[in-house]
Protein backbone atom coordinates (compact mmCIF):
# COMPACT_ATOMS: atom_id res chain seq x y z
CA MET A 1 -109.01 -39.92 -4.34
CA LEU A 2 -106.91 -41.37 -1.54
CA PHE A 3 -103.44 -42.87 -1.97
CA THR A 4 -101.64 -45.43 0.15
CA SER A 5 -98.21 -43.88 -0.43
CA THR A 6 -97.60 -40.20 -1.13
CA LEU A 7 -94.39 -38.39 -2.09
CA LEU A 8 -94.37 -34.71 -1.12
CA LEU A 9 -91.64 -32.55 -2.66
CA VAL A 10 -90.55 -29.53 -0.61
CA GLU A 11 -87.77 -27.04 -1.18
CA GLY A 12 -86.94 -26.72 2.50
CA GLY A 13 -85.28 -23.33 2.68
CA ASP A 14 -85.02 -21.33 5.90
CA PRO A 15 -85.53 -23.90 8.69
CA HIS A 16 -87.07 -21.29 10.99
CA HIS A 17 -90.04 -20.57 8.70
CA LEU A 18 -91.19 -24.06 7.75
CA ALA A 19 -94.52 -23.88 9.55
CA ALA A 20 -95.54 -20.63 7.83
CA LEU A 21 -95.09 -22.12 4.38
CA TYR A 22 -95.71 -25.85 4.67
CA THR A 23 -98.45 -26.42 7.27
CA GLY A 24 -101.24 -26.27 4.69
CA VAL A 25 -99.29 -28.30 2.13
CA ILE A 26 -98.59 -31.11 4.59
CA ASN A 27 -102.19 -31.01 5.78
CA LYS A 28 -103.42 -31.58 2.22
CA ALA A 29 -100.86 -34.32 1.56
CA LEU A 30 -101.99 -36.15 4.70
CA TYR A 31 -105.64 -35.60 3.78
CA ASN A 32 -105.02 -37.31 0.42
CA THR A 33 -103.25 -40.27 2.09
CA MET A 34 -105.14 -43.28 3.43
CA ALA A 35 -105.08 -44.19 7.10
CA ASN A 36 -102.20 -46.61 7.76
CA GLY A 37 -100.56 -45.33 4.57
CA SER A 38 -97.27 -43.44 4.25
CA LEU A 39 -96.16 -39.91 3.48
CA ASP A 40 -92.56 -39.24 2.45
CA VAL A 41 -91.44 -35.61 2.63
CA LEU A 42 -88.49 -35.25 0.24
CA VAL A 43 -86.39 -32.14 0.92
CA MET A 44 -85.06 -31.03 -2.48
CA LYS A 45 -82.58 -28.45 -1.18
CA CYS A 46 -80.91 -29.75 1.96
CA PRO A 47 -79.22 -27.10 4.15
CA ASN A 48 -75.42 -26.85 4.24
CA HIS A 49 -75.14 -26.88 8.01
CA ILE A 50 -75.83 -29.86 10.24
CA SER A 51 -77.62 -27.63 12.76
CA ALA A 52 -80.00 -26.46 10.02
CA VAL A 53 -80.49 -30.06 8.90
CA GLN A 54 -81.64 -30.95 12.41
CA THR A 55 -84.04 -27.99 12.49
CA VAL A 56 -85.51 -28.87 9.09
CA VAL A 57 -86.03 -32.55 9.92
CA SER A 58 -87.57 -31.90 13.34
CA GLY A 59 -89.64 -29.04 11.89
CA PHE A 60 -91.26 -31.21 9.24
CA TYR A 61 -91.94 -33.99 11.75
CA ASN A 62 -93.52 -31.49 14.14
CA ILE A 63 -95.76 -30.05 11.42
CA ALA A 64 -96.81 -33.49 10.17
CA ARG A 65 -97.53 -34.77 13.69
CA ALA A 66 -99.73 -31.77 14.51
CA GLN A 67 -101.62 -31.95 11.22
CA ALA A 68 -102.11 -35.72 11.51
CA ARG A 69 -103.69 -35.22 14.93
CA GLU A 70 -105.97 -32.54 13.52
CA LEU A 71 -107.07 -34.82 10.67
CA ARG A 72 -107.20 -37.92 12.88
CA ARG A 73 -104.70 -39.60 10.59
CA THR A 74 -102.05 -40.42 13.18
CA SER A 75 -101.69 -43.93 11.74
CA ILE A 76 -99.99 -42.51 8.62
CA ARG A 77 -96.26 -43.25 8.66
CA VAL A 78 -94.25 -40.10 7.94
CA ARG A 79 -90.60 -40.04 6.88
CA VAL A 80 -88.43 -37.03 6.06
CA LEU A 81 -85.93 -37.72 3.28
CA LEU A 82 -82.86 -35.56 2.65
CA ASP A 83 -81.61 -36.77 -0.73
CA GLY A 84 -83.58 -34.44 -2.98
CA GLN A 85 -80.44 -33.16 -4.70
CA ASN A 86 -79.31 -36.72 -5.42
CA VAL A 87 -82.40 -38.93 -5.20
CA GLU A 88 -81.75 -42.47 -3.95
CA LEU A 89 -83.10 -44.56 -6.81
CA ALA A 90 -82.34 -47.80 -4.92
CA ARG A 91 -84.94 -46.96 -2.28
CA ARG A 92 -87.73 -49.55 -2.06
CA GLN A 93 -90.55 -47.07 -2.33
CA ASN A 94 -94.10 -47.63 -3.55
CA TRP A 95 -95.20 -44.06 -4.23
CA GLU A 96 -98.54 -43.67 -5.99
CA VAL A 97 -98.62 -39.88 -6.35
CA ILE A 98 -96.27 -36.89 -6.34
CA THR A 99 -97.43 -33.76 -4.53
CA ALA A 100 -95.99 -30.25 -4.35
CA GLY A 101 -97.14 -26.79 -3.34
CA LYS A 102 -98.22 -24.30 -6.00
CA LEU A 103 -95.25 -22.02 -5.31
CA GLU A 104 -92.85 -24.93 -5.73
CA GLU A 105 -94.30 -26.90 -8.64
CA ASP A 106 -90.97 -26.52 -10.46
CA LEU A 107 -89.68 -29.16 -8.02
CA ILE A 108 -91.63 -31.74 -10.03
CA THR A 109 -89.40 -31.04 -13.04
CA GLU A 110 -86.26 -31.12 -10.89
CA PHE A 111 -87.27 -34.48 -9.45
CA ARG A 112 -88.11 -36.01 -12.83
CA TYR A 113 -84.80 -34.82 -14.24
CA GLN A 114 -83.03 -37.18 -11.82
CA VAL A 115 -85.17 -40.19 -12.74
CA PRO A 116 -84.19 -42.58 -15.58
CA GLU A 117 -86.32 -42.41 -18.71
CA ASN A 118 -87.69 -45.91 -18.18
CA SER A 119 -88.68 -45.33 -14.53
CA GLN A 120 -92.30 -45.85 -13.54
CA LEU A 121 -91.95 -42.72 -11.38
CA LEU A 122 -92.31 -40.62 -14.52
CA GLY A 123 -95.85 -41.95 -14.95
CA LEU A 124 -97.10 -41.11 -11.47
CA PRO A 125 -99.97 -38.63 -11.20
CA VAL A 126 -99.16 -35.18 -9.86
CA VAL A 127 -101.21 -33.20 -7.34
CA ILE A 128 -100.46 -29.49 -6.94
CA VAL A 129 -101.93 -28.00 -3.77
CA ARG A 130 -102.52 -24.45 -2.64
CA MET A 131 -99.56 -22.89 -0.88
CA ASP A 132 -99.98 -19.78 1.22
CA ARG A 133 -97.37 -17.14 0.45
CA SER A 134 -95.38 -16.20 3.50
CA ASP A 135 -94.11 -12.65 3.98
CA GLU A 136 -90.58 -14.08 4.14
CA TYR A 137 -90.96 -15.98 0.87
CA ASP A 138 -90.42 -14.59 -2.62
CA GLN A 139 -89.85 -16.10 -6.03
CA ASN A 140 -86.27 -16.95 -5.07
CA GLY A 141 -87.33 -18.86 -1.96
CA TYR A 142 -85.85 -18.37 1.47
CA THR A 143 -82.35 -17.14 2.11
CA GLU A 144 -80.72 -19.51 4.54
CA GLU A 145 -79.04 -17.89 7.50
CA GLN A 146 -75.54 -19.22 8.14
CA PRO A 147 -75.29 -20.38 11.77
CA THR A 148 -72.07 -19.99 13.68
CA ASP A 149 -69.98 -22.94 14.76
CA GLN A 150 -70.01 -23.64 18.50
CA THR A 151 -68.97 -26.41 20.84
CA THR A 152 -70.22 -26.87 24.39
CA ASP A 153 -67.91 -26.79 27.39
CA ASN A 154 -67.80 -30.58 27.58
CA GLY A 155 -66.66 -30.86 23.96
CA PHE A 156 -70.03 -31.92 22.58
CA THR A 157 -71.16 -30.52 19.27
CA ASP A 158 -74.27 -28.43 19.92
CA LEU A 159 -76.48 -28.84 16.86
CA SER A 160 -78.74 -26.01 17.96
CA VAL A 161 -76.11 -23.34 17.29
CA GLY A 162 -74.41 -24.41 14.11
CA GLN A 163 -71.77 -26.50 12.40
CA PRO A 164 -69.26 -26.26 9.52
CA ASP A 165 -70.22 -26.61 5.90
CA ALA A 166 -71.42 -29.95 4.57
CA GLY A 167 -68.57 -32.43 4.07
CA GLU A 168 -66.41 -31.11 6.89
CA TRP A 169 -68.35 -33.00 9.55
CA GLU A 170 -68.90 -36.34 7.80
CA HIS A 171 -67.41 -39.44 9.43
CA ASP A 172 -66.69 -42.90 8.08
CA VAL A 173 -68.30 -44.74 11.02
CA VAL A 174 -70.94 -43.24 13.31
CA ALA A 175 -72.63 -44.81 16.32
CA VAL A 176 -76.03 -44.15 17.87
CA GLY A 177 -77.92 -45.94 20.62
CA GLY A 178 -81.29 -46.17 22.28
CA THR A 179 -84.24 -48.36 23.21
CA PHE A 180 -86.20 -47.42 20.07
CA ASP A 181 -89.45 -48.76 21.49
CA HIS A 182 -92.55 -47.77 19.50
CA LEU A 183 -90.40 -45.90 16.98
CA HIS A 184 -91.49 -42.24 17.07
CA ASP A 185 -90.39 -38.90 15.62
CA GLY A 186 -87.70 -38.38 18.28
CA HIS A 187 -86.10 -41.70 17.29
CA LYS A 188 -86.46 -40.80 13.62
CA LEU A 189 -84.65 -37.49 14.14
CA LEU A 190 -81.81 -39.21 16.01
CA LEU A 191 -81.40 -41.90 13.34
CA THR A 192 -81.72 -39.40 10.49
CA ILE A 193 -78.93 -37.20 11.83
CA ALA A 194 -76.71 -40.20 12.61
CA GLY A 195 -77.17 -41.61 9.10
CA PHE A 196 -76.64 -38.19 7.55
CA LEU A 197 -73.26 -37.89 9.29
CA ALA A 198 -72.08 -41.40 8.34
CA LYS A 199 -70.25 -41.89 5.05
CA GLU A 200 -69.79 -45.66 5.20
CA LYS A 201 -71.35 -47.33 8.24
CA LEU A 202 -73.88 -46.64 10.98
CA ILE A 203 -73.57 -48.76 14.13
CA VAL A 204 -76.82 -48.85 16.12
CA GLY A 205 -76.93 -50.02 19.71
CA ILE A 206 -80.39 -51.22 20.77
CA THR A 207 -81.12 -51.79 24.44
CA GLY A 208 -81.42 -55.44 25.44
CA THR A 209 -84.44 -56.78 27.30
CA GLU A 210 -82.60 -57.30 30.61
CA LEU A 211 -82.00 -53.53 30.91
CA LEU A 212 -85.68 -52.71 30.43
CA VAL A 213 -87.37 -54.71 33.19
CA ASN A 214 -87.88 -51.59 35.34
CA LYS A 215 -89.31 -49.48 32.52
CA LYS A 216 -92.86 -48.19 32.99
CA TYR A 217 -95.53 -50.26 31.23
CA ALA A 218 -92.91 -52.87 30.35
CA GLU A 219 -95.68 -55.37 29.57
CA VAL A 220 -96.31 -53.59 26.24
CA MET A 221 -92.64 -53.01 25.43
CA GLU A 222 -91.87 -54.22 21.91
CA PRO A 223 -89.58 -57.29 21.70
CA TYR A 224 -85.94 -56.68 20.84
CA MET A 225 -86.18 -58.15 17.33
CA LYS A 226 -89.17 -55.97 16.45
CA ARG A 227 -87.34 -52.86 17.64
CA ARG A 228 -84.23 -53.89 15.72
CA ASN A 229 -86.18 -54.58 12.53
CA ASN A 230 -87.99 -51.24 12.78
CA VAL A 231 -84.70 -49.37 13.18
CA GLU A 232 -82.95 -51.17 10.34
CA GLU A 233 -85.91 -50.79 8.00
CA PHE A 234 -86.14 -47.06 8.72
CA VAL A 235 -82.42 -46.33 8.27
CA GLN A 236 -82.10 -48.46 5.14
CA TYR A 237 -85.11 -46.71 3.62
CA LEU A 238 -83.56 -43.29 4.24
CA TYR A 239 -80.02 -44.28 3.26
CA PRO A 240 -80.06 -47.36 0.97
CA ALA A 241 -76.30 -47.23 0.31
CA LEU A 242 -75.33 -47.01 3.99
CA GLU A 243 -74.16 -50.12 5.84
CA VAL A 244 -76.18 -50.62 9.04
CA GLU A 245 -74.82 -52.79 11.86
CA SER A 246 -77.02 -53.48 14.89
CA HIS A 247 -75.82 -54.53 18.35
CA MET A 248 -77.76 -55.45 21.49
CA LEU A 249 -76.84 -53.15 24.36
CA HIS A 250 -76.00 -54.82 27.67
CA ASP A 251 -74.34 -51.72 29.19
CA VAL A 252 -74.01 -48.00 28.55
CA ALA A 253 -71.02 -48.21 26.20
CA GLY A 254 -72.14 -51.07 23.99
CA PRO A 255 -70.16 -51.24 20.73
CA THR A 256 -68.45 -47.88 21.41
CA GLY A 257 -66.60 -49.67 24.22
CA THR A 258 -65.62 -52.72 22.16
CA ILE A 259 -65.02 -51.31 18.67
CA GLU A 260 -62.15 -48.83 18.37
CA ASP A 261 -62.86 -47.88 14.75
CA ILE A 262 -65.78 -45.54 15.44
CA ASP A 263 -65.43 -41.84 14.71
CA ALA A 264 -68.53 -40.15 16.12
CA LEU A 265 -71.49 -40.70 18.41
CA VAL A 266 -74.94 -39.14 18.05
CA LEU A 267 -77.04 -38.84 21.18
CA SER A 268 -79.92 -36.80 22.54
CA SER A 269 -79.74 -34.13 25.23
CA GLU A 270 -81.19 -36.70 27.65
CA THR A 271 -78.20 -39.04 27.30
CA ARG A 272 -75.38 -36.45 27.49
CA LYS A 273 -73.85 -38.04 30.60
CA GLY A 274 -73.65 -41.37 28.81
CA GLY A 275 -71.52 -39.79 26.10
CA GLU A 276 -69.15 -38.38 28.69
CA ALA A 277 -68.79 -41.82 30.31
CA ILE A 278 -68.16 -43.49 26.96
CA ASN A 279 -65.32 -41.13 26.02
CA LYS A 280 -63.74 -41.51 29.47
CA PHE A 281 -63.87 -45.30 29.06
CA ARG A 282 -62.33 -45.13 25.58
CA GLN A 283 -59.53 -42.84 26.70
CA GLU A 284 -58.71 -45.21 29.56
CA LYS A 285 -58.23 -47.92 26.92
CA GLY A 286 -55.92 -45.65 24.94
CA TRP A 287 -58.47 -45.12 22.16
CA HIS A 288 -59.35 -41.82 20.51
CA PRO A 289 -62.40 -40.06 21.94
CA LEU A 290 -65.52 -39.86 19.80
CA VAL A 291 -66.77 -36.67 18.23
CA ILE A 292 -70.14 -36.33 19.94
CA TYR A 293 -73.18 -34.72 18.34
CA GLU A 294 -76.04 -33.78 20.62
CA VAL A 295 -79.52 -33.75 19.08
CA ASP A 296 -82.41 -31.81 20.61
CA VAL A 297 -85.22 -33.61 22.41
CA ILE A 298 -88.12 -33.44 19.99
CA GLY A 299 -91.57 -32.23 20.95
CA CYS A 300 -90.39 -30.00 23.81
CA GLU A 301 -91.81 -26.51 24.09
CA THR A 302 -91.49 -25.81 27.81
CA GLY A 303 -89.53 -28.82 29.11
CA CYS A 304 -85.84 -28.63 29.99
CA GLU A 305 -83.07 -30.71 31.52
CA ALA A 306 -84.11 -29.72 35.05
CA ASP A 307 -87.54 -31.36 34.67
CA ASN A 308 -86.27 -34.15 32.38
CA TRP A 309 -87.92 -32.53 29.35
CA SER A 310 -91.38 -33.05 30.79
CA ASP A 311 -93.28 -32.46 27.53
CA LYS A 312 -91.02 -34.51 25.28
CA LEU A 313 -92.26 -37.07 22.78
CA SER A 314 -91.98 -40.28 24.79
CA SER A 315 -92.12 -44.03 24.25
CA THR A 316 -93.38 -44.29 27.83
CA GLU A 317 -96.46 -42.27 26.95
CA LEU A 318 -97.02 -44.33 23.81
CA ARG A 319 -96.86 -47.53 25.89
CA ARG A 320 -99.29 -46.08 28.42
CA LEU A 321 -101.77 -45.26 25.66
CA GLU A 322 -101.38 -48.72 24.14
CA LEU A 323 -101.94 -50.41 27.50
CA GLU A 324 -105.01 -48.25 28.09
CA LYS A 325 -106.37 -49.23 24.70
CA LEU A 326 -105.78 -52.93 25.43
CA ARG A 327 -107.57 -52.69 28.76
CA LEU A 328 -110.56 -51.01 27.14
CA THR A 329 -110.65 -53.72 24.48
CA ASP A 330 -110.49 -56.50 27.07
CA SER A 331 -113.06 -54.98 29.43
CA PRO A 332 -116.62 -56.46 29.40
CA ASN A 333 -119.25 -54.65 27.37
CA LYS A 334 -121.31 -52.86 29.97
CA SER A 335 -123.85 -51.40 27.61
CA ILE A 336 -127.40 -52.62 28.03
């Protein structure tokens, strides 16, 4: 039986061993989900370090993307949720089934314990799937390694090497910016980390149309309002209690150059120089500099800054594929 909306419960554990334990589980969850449906991966035990949070989120997206390609189910919308220890009951979900791996079926009980007695979630069917035992996994789960705190020479927080315990790095107001065209896993990681760091408000800068005229394959660029709606819908689904404020970007600084009451900025490794320029601009105005968190470029295995992360997950490539598909659709039928 196929479902249009699946909830997959995962413990999470050691972020460096996700693939060994969860590849088969995610494959089965995708297999049981209809094309154009949705799969929500709910992490029940979120790591205590922001660097580990990044690794877990990107790890699950990487596994799901690879398995979706293998199953030819790339139209399934995947979201990684981090509120397993305090499930957001205000989320507008439409789950039809709860899935978990055999080694983690106790997560079903943990999840139901957080749900009110009159909730329809208690009546959802449960699917337990085979889970291959990893050599690193025992009945107590993974033991999370504690990363060390480190800051780069330019003052940026390097999420790849560790951060303080949860709570010490939260900020009242966090900003993040981007084009967010054809919302993909790289965007989702950026928005997830930004929302995770924000206690009260997330300010999102979304590139205006006039700054995109020289982009490749601009003819299939999504309109501003569609990009804005996609971003707001995604963030509000992940963090229903978080205030989201969107701004159109007409320059590099955007709201970080006009709103003093922002505490932190989340950006990707690609936009590091933009963060430096923003803090210089703020300091010239007599404002406090932003705490800057740098998120890895997702999808890269061999790419680096020198080659502009050549194998990164890219909106440009998604636009190229869409334009190619449109041209094939519009071309005359040459079959005899």
